[in-house]
N, C-alpha and C. Protein backbone atom coordinates (compact mmCIF):
# COMPACT_ATOMS: atom_id res chain seq x y z
N MET A 1 -11.25 -2.64 9.27
CA MET A 1 -11.80 -3.78 9.94
C MET A 1 -12.06 -3.37 11.39
N LYS A 2 -13.23 -3.72 11.87
CA LYS A 2 -13.64 -3.33 13.22
C LYS A 2 -13.79 -4.58 14.09
N PHE A 3 -13.14 -4.57 15.27
CA PHE A 3 -13.25 -5.65 16.23
C PHE A 3 -14.12 -5.18 17.39
N ASN A 4 -15.07 -5.99 17.77
CA ASN A 4 -15.91 -5.69 18.92
C ASN A 4 -15.86 -6.90 19.85
N VAL A 5 -15.35 -6.67 21.07
CA VAL A 5 -15.22 -7.76 22.03
C VAL A 5 -16.23 -7.52 23.15
N ARG A 6 -17.01 -8.55 23.45
CA ARG A 6 -18.01 -8.45 24.50
C ARG A 6 -17.70 -9.51 25.55
N ARG A 7 -17.55 -9.08 26.76
CA ARG A 7 -17.26 -10.00 27.86
C ARG A 7 -18.57 -10.60 28.36
N VAL A 8 -18.70 -11.91 28.17
CA VAL A 8 -19.92 -12.60 28.54
C VAL A 8 -19.90 -12.95 30.02
N GLY A 9 -18.83 -13.39 30.51
CA GLY A 9 -18.63 -13.79 31.90
C GLY A 9 -17.24 -14.35 32.02
N PHE A 10 -16.60 -14.01 33.11
CA PHE A 10 -15.20 -14.40 33.27
C PHE A 10 -15.05 -15.90 33.07
N PRO A 11 -14.11 -16.43 32.35
CA PRO A 11 -13.09 -15.76 31.55
C PRO A 11 -13.46 -15.71 30.07
N TYR A 12 -14.73 -15.83 29.73
CA TYR A 12 -15.14 -15.94 28.33
C TYR A 12 -15.54 -14.61 27.73
N GLN A 13 -15.38 -14.52 26.43
CA GLN A 13 -15.79 -13.34 25.69
C GLN A 13 -16.22 -13.75 24.30
N GLU A 14 -16.98 -12.90 23.67
CA GLU A 14 -17.38 -13.10 22.28
C GLU A 14 -16.72 -12.01 21.46
N MET A 15 -16.38 -12.34 20.23
CA MET A 15 -15.75 -11.36 19.36
C MET A 15 -16.56 -11.25 18.08
N THR A 16 -16.80 -10.02 17.64
CA THR A 16 -17.43 -9.77 16.35
C THR A 16 -16.46 -8.96 15.52
N VAL A 17 -16.23 -9.42 14.32
CA VAL A 17 -15.34 -8.72 13.39
C VAL A 17 -16.19 -8.30 12.21
N SER A 18 -16.13 -7.01 11.85
CA SER A 18 -16.95 -6.56 10.73
C SER A 18 -16.15 -5.68 9.79
N GLU A 19 -16.51 -5.77 8.54
CA GLU A 19 -15.91 -4.96 7.48
C GLU A 19 -17.01 -4.71 6.47
N GLY A 20 -17.40 -3.46 6.32
CA GLY A 20 -18.50 -3.13 5.42
C GLY A 20 -19.77 -3.82 5.88
N ASN A 21 -20.39 -4.59 4.99
CA ASN A 21 -21.64 -5.28 5.32
C ASN A 21 -21.42 -6.70 5.86
N ALA A 22 -20.17 -7.16 5.92
CA ALA A 22 -19.89 -8.52 6.35
C ALA A 22 -19.45 -8.53 7.81
N SER A 23 -19.85 -9.56 8.53
CA SER A 23 -19.38 -9.69 9.91
C SER A 23 -19.23 -11.17 10.26
N ILE A 24 -18.35 -11.42 11.23
CA ILE A 24 -18.09 -12.77 11.73
C ILE A 24 -18.22 -12.71 13.24
N GLU A 25 -18.98 -13.65 13.79
CA GLU A 25 -19.10 -13.75 15.24
C GLU A 25 -18.40 -15.02 15.69
N SER A 26 -17.63 -14.91 16.75
CA SER A 26 -16.76 -16.02 17.15
C SER A 26 -17.42 -17.06 18.04
N GLY A 27 -18.42 -16.70 18.81
CA GLY A 27 -18.91 -17.59 19.85
C GLY A 27 -18.08 -17.36 21.10
N LEU A 28 -18.16 -18.25 22.06
CA LEU A 28 -17.44 -18.07 23.33
C LEU A 28 -15.97 -18.44 23.18
N LEU A 29 -15.10 -17.53 23.59
CA LEU A 29 -13.65 -17.74 23.56
C LEU A 29 -13.06 -17.31 24.89
N ASN A 30 -11.97 -17.98 25.29
CA ASN A 30 -11.25 -17.44 26.43
C ASN A 30 -10.31 -16.35 25.90
N GLN A 31 -9.66 -15.63 26.78
CA GLN A 31 -8.87 -14.47 26.37
C GLN A 31 -7.75 -14.86 25.40
N GLU A 32 -7.08 -15.96 25.66
CA GLU A 32 -5.99 -16.40 24.79
C GLU A 32 -6.51 -16.73 23.38
N GLU A 33 -7.63 -17.42 23.31
CA GLU A 33 -8.23 -17.76 22.01
C GLU A 33 -8.65 -16.50 21.27
N ALA A 34 -9.22 -15.53 21.99
CA ALA A 34 -9.66 -14.29 21.36
C ALA A 34 -8.48 -13.51 20.80
N GLN A 35 -7.38 -13.47 21.55
CA GLN A 35 -6.20 -12.75 21.07
C GLN A 35 -5.60 -13.45 19.85
N ALA A 36 -5.56 -14.76 19.86
CA ALA A 36 -5.03 -15.51 18.71
C ALA A 36 -5.91 -15.29 17.48
N MET A 37 -7.23 -15.31 17.67
CA MET A 37 -8.15 -15.09 16.55
C MET A 37 -8.00 -13.67 16.00
N ALA A 38 -7.86 -12.69 16.88
CA ALA A 38 -7.68 -11.31 16.42
C ALA A 38 -6.39 -11.17 15.61
N ALA A 39 -5.31 -11.80 16.06
CA ALA A 39 -4.04 -11.74 15.32
C ALA A 39 -4.18 -12.37 13.94
N GLU A 40 -4.86 -13.51 13.87
CA GLU A 40 -5.06 -14.18 12.58
C GLU A 40 -5.90 -13.32 11.63
N LEU A 41 -6.95 -12.71 12.15
CA LEU A 41 -7.81 -11.88 11.32
C LEU A 41 -7.08 -10.62 10.84
N ARG A 42 -6.26 -10.03 11.70
CA ARG A 42 -5.47 -8.86 11.26
C ARG A 42 -4.51 -9.26 10.15
N SER A 43 -3.88 -10.42 10.30
CA SER A 43 -2.96 -10.91 9.28
C SER A 43 -3.69 -11.16 7.95
N ALA A 44 -4.88 -11.75 8.03
CA ALA A 44 -5.67 -12.00 6.81
C ALA A 44 -6.08 -10.68 6.17
N ALA A 45 -6.44 -9.69 6.98
CA ALA A 45 -6.84 -8.39 6.44
C ALA A 45 -5.66 -7.73 5.73
N ASP A 46 -4.47 -7.87 6.29
CA ASP A 46 -3.27 -7.31 5.64
C ASP A 46 -3.02 -7.98 4.30
N ASP A 47 -3.25 -9.29 4.22
CA ASP A 47 -3.08 -10.02 2.97
C ASP A 47 -4.06 -9.56 1.90
N LEU A 48 -5.25 -9.12 2.33
CA LEU A 48 -6.29 -8.70 1.39
C LEU A 48 -6.22 -7.22 1.03
N SER A 49 -5.32 -6.49 1.67
CA SER A 49 -5.27 -5.05 1.41
C SER A 49 -4.80 -4.79 -0.02
N PRO A 50 -5.28 -3.69 -0.63
CA PRO A 50 -4.93 -3.40 -2.02
C PRO A 50 -3.42 -3.26 -2.22
N ARG A 51 -2.96 -3.76 -3.31
CA ARG A 51 -1.55 -3.65 -3.68
C ARG A 51 -1.47 -2.99 -5.04
N GLU A 52 -0.30 -2.60 -5.39
CA GLU A 52 -0.09 -2.00 -6.70
C GLU A 52 -0.32 -3.08 -7.76
N THR A 53 -1.20 -2.79 -8.71
CA THR A 53 -1.48 -3.76 -9.76
C THR A 53 -0.53 -3.53 -10.94
N PRO A 54 -0.07 -4.60 -11.54
CA PRO A 54 0.90 -4.46 -12.63
C PRO A 54 0.23 -3.99 -13.92
N GLU A 55 1.02 -3.37 -14.76
CA GLU A 55 0.56 -3.01 -16.10
C GLU A 55 0.61 -4.27 -16.96
N LEU A 56 -0.39 -4.47 -17.78
CA LEU A 56 -0.41 -5.62 -18.68
C LEU A 56 0.39 -5.32 -19.94
N ASP A 57 1.17 -6.29 -20.39
CA ASP A 57 1.86 -6.15 -21.66
C ASP A 57 0.85 -6.40 -22.77
N GLU A 58 1.02 -5.68 -23.87
CA GLU A 58 0.13 -5.91 -25.01
C GLU A 58 0.58 -7.17 -25.75
N TYR A 59 -0.39 -7.96 -26.17
CA TYR A 59 -0.10 -9.17 -26.93
C TYR A 59 0.31 -8.78 -28.33
N ASP A 60 1.39 -9.39 -28.81
CA ASP A 60 1.87 -9.13 -30.17
C ASP A 60 1.48 -10.31 -31.04
N ALA A 61 0.59 -10.07 -31.99
CA ALA A 61 0.13 -11.15 -32.86
C ALA A 61 1.21 -11.58 -33.85
N GLY A 62 2.25 -10.79 -33.97
CA GLY A 62 3.34 -11.15 -34.88
C GLY A 62 2.91 -11.00 -36.33
N LEU A 63 3.63 -11.68 -37.21
CA LEU A 63 3.31 -11.61 -38.63
C LEU A 63 2.09 -12.47 -38.92
N LEU A 64 1.17 -11.92 -39.65
CA LEU A 64 -0.02 -12.68 -40.05
C LEU A 64 0.14 -13.06 -41.51
N SER A 65 -0.10 -14.31 -41.81
CA SER A 65 0.12 -14.84 -43.16
C SER A 65 -1.03 -14.49 -44.09
N SER A 66 -0.73 -14.43 -45.37
CA SER A 66 -1.76 -14.20 -46.38
C SER A 66 -2.02 -15.47 -47.19
N ALA A 67 -1.65 -16.63 -46.65
CA ALA A 67 -1.76 -17.88 -47.40
C ALA A 67 -3.20 -18.29 -47.68
N GLY A 68 -4.16 -17.85 -46.88
CA GLY A 68 -5.54 -18.28 -47.05
C GLY A 68 -6.28 -17.56 -48.16
N GLY A 69 -5.71 -16.49 -48.69
CA GLY A 69 -6.38 -15.73 -49.74
C GLY A 69 -7.49 -14.87 -49.16
N GLY A 70 -8.31 -14.32 -50.01
CA GLY A 70 -9.40 -13.45 -49.55
C GLY A 70 -8.87 -12.07 -49.19
N ASP A 71 -9.65 -11.33 -48.44
CA ASP A 71 -9.30 -9.97 -48.07
C ASP A 71 -8.43 -10.01 -46.80
N VAL A 72 -7.18 -10.40 -46.99
CA VAL A 72 -6.26 -10.61 -45.87
C VAL A 72 -6.02 -9.33 -45.09
N ASP A 73 -5.85 -8.22 -45.78
CA ASP A 73 -5.59 -6.95 -45.10
C ASP A 73 -6.72 -6.60 -44.13
N TRP A 74 -7.97 -6.84 -44.55
CA TRP A 74 -9.10 -6.53 -43.68
C TRP A 74 -9.05 -7.40 -42.42
N TRP A 75 -8.79 -8.71 -42.57
CA TRP A 75 -8.74 -9.61 -41.43
C TRP A 75 -7.58 -9.26 -40.49
N GLN A 76 -6.44 -8.91 -41.07
CA GLN A 76 -5.32 -8.53 -40.22
C GLN A 76 -5.65 -7.28 -39.41
N ASP A 77 -6.25 -6.29 -40.05
CA ASP A 77 -6.66 -5.08 -39.34
C ASP A 77 -7.68 -5.39 -38.26
N TYR A 78 -8.63 -6.27 -38.60
CA TYR A 78 -9.68 -6.64 -37.66
C TYR A 78 -9.07 -7.32 -36.42
N LEU A 79 -8.19 -8.28 -36.64
CA LEU A 79 -7.57 -8.99 -35.52
C LEU A 79 -6.76 -8.04 -34.64
N ARG A 80 -6.00 -7.15 -35.25
CA ARG A 80 -5.20 -6.20 -34.47
C ARG A 80 -6.10 -5.27 -33.65
N ALA A 81 -7.21 -4.84 -34.26
CA ALA A 81 -8.14 -3.95 -33.54
C ALA A 81 -8.79 -4.68 -32.36
N GLU A 82 -9.17 -5.95 -32.58
CA GLU A 82 -9.77 -6.73 -31.48
C GLU A 82 -8.77 -6.96 -30.35
N LEU A 83 -7.54 -7.25 -30.70
CA LEU A 83 -6.52 -7.43 -29.67
C LEU A 83 -6.29 -6.14 -28.89
N GLY A 84 -6.31 -5.02 -29.59
CA GLY A 84 -6.16 -3.73 -28.92
C GLY A 84 -7.32 -3.45 -27.97
N ARG A 85 -8.55 -3.73 -28.42
CA ARG A 85 -9.72 -3.53 -27.55
C ARG A 85 -9.68 -4.47 -26.34
N ALA A 86 -9.24 -5.71 -26.55
CA ALA A 86 -9.14 -6.67 -25.44
C ALA A 86 -8.12 -6.18 -24.42
N HIS A 87 -6.99 -5.67 -24.91
CA HIS A 87 -5.97 -5.16 -23.99
C HIS A 87 -6.52 -3.99 -23.16
N GLU A 88 -7.19 -3.07 -23.81
CA GLU A 88 -7.76 -1.92 -23.09
C GLU A 88 -8.79 -2.37 -22.06
N PHE A 89 -9.61 -3.36 -22.42
CA PHE A 89 -10.62 -3.86 -21.50
C PHE A 89 -9.98 -4.47 -20.26
N TYR A 90 -9.01 -5.38 -20.46
CA TYR A 90 -8.41 -6.04 -19.31
C TYR A 90 -7.56 -5.09 -18.49
N GLN A 91 -6.96 -4.11 -19.14
CA GLN A 91 -6.20 -3.10 -18.38
C GLN A 91 -7.16 -2.29 -17.51
N SER A 92 -8.34 -1.94 -18.03
CA SER A 92 -9.30 -1.19 -17.23
C SER A 92 -9.82 -2.04 -16.06
N GLN A 93 -9.93 -3.36 -16.26
CA GLN A 93 -10.34 -4.25 -15.17
C GLN A 93 -9.28 -4.25 -14.07
N MET A 94 -8.02 -4.27 -14.45
CA MET A 94 -6.94 -4.24 -13.47
C MET A 94 -6.95 -2.91 -12.71
N GLU A 95 -7.18 -1.81 -13.43
CA GLU A 95 -7.17 -0.51 -12.79
C GLU A 95 -8.34 -0.35 -11.82
N SER A 96 -9.46 -1.01 -12.10
CA SER A 96 -10.61 -0.90 -11.19
C SER A 96 -10.34 -1.63 -9.87
N LEU A 97 -9.36 -2.53 -9.85
CA LEU A 97 -8.98 -3.25 -8.63
C LEU A 97 -8.13 -2.39 -7.71
N ARG A 98 -7.60 -1.31 -8.22
CA ARG A 98 -6.70 -0.47 -7.41
C ARG A 98 -7.45 0.29 -6.38
């Protein structure tokens, strides 16, 4: 995060805060207001900093019943495979946040 302070005329200043392509301009502030704003923005930036992302637990479908008849083994395999693919997908989404 980059802070740029421009002194417009005593005792006022303008502050521009930029990160990547985003920027915020403060308008006219006195020195005390500028320091308070800078402290708040630093605190917010610390809150947004990357943290260790947790590993996702795999969902356990448990026992699947065969009460409905039909090709139960195929459906059970299908559901387990879909759950496995969903887990891999969401785990990769979490890892991309790191």
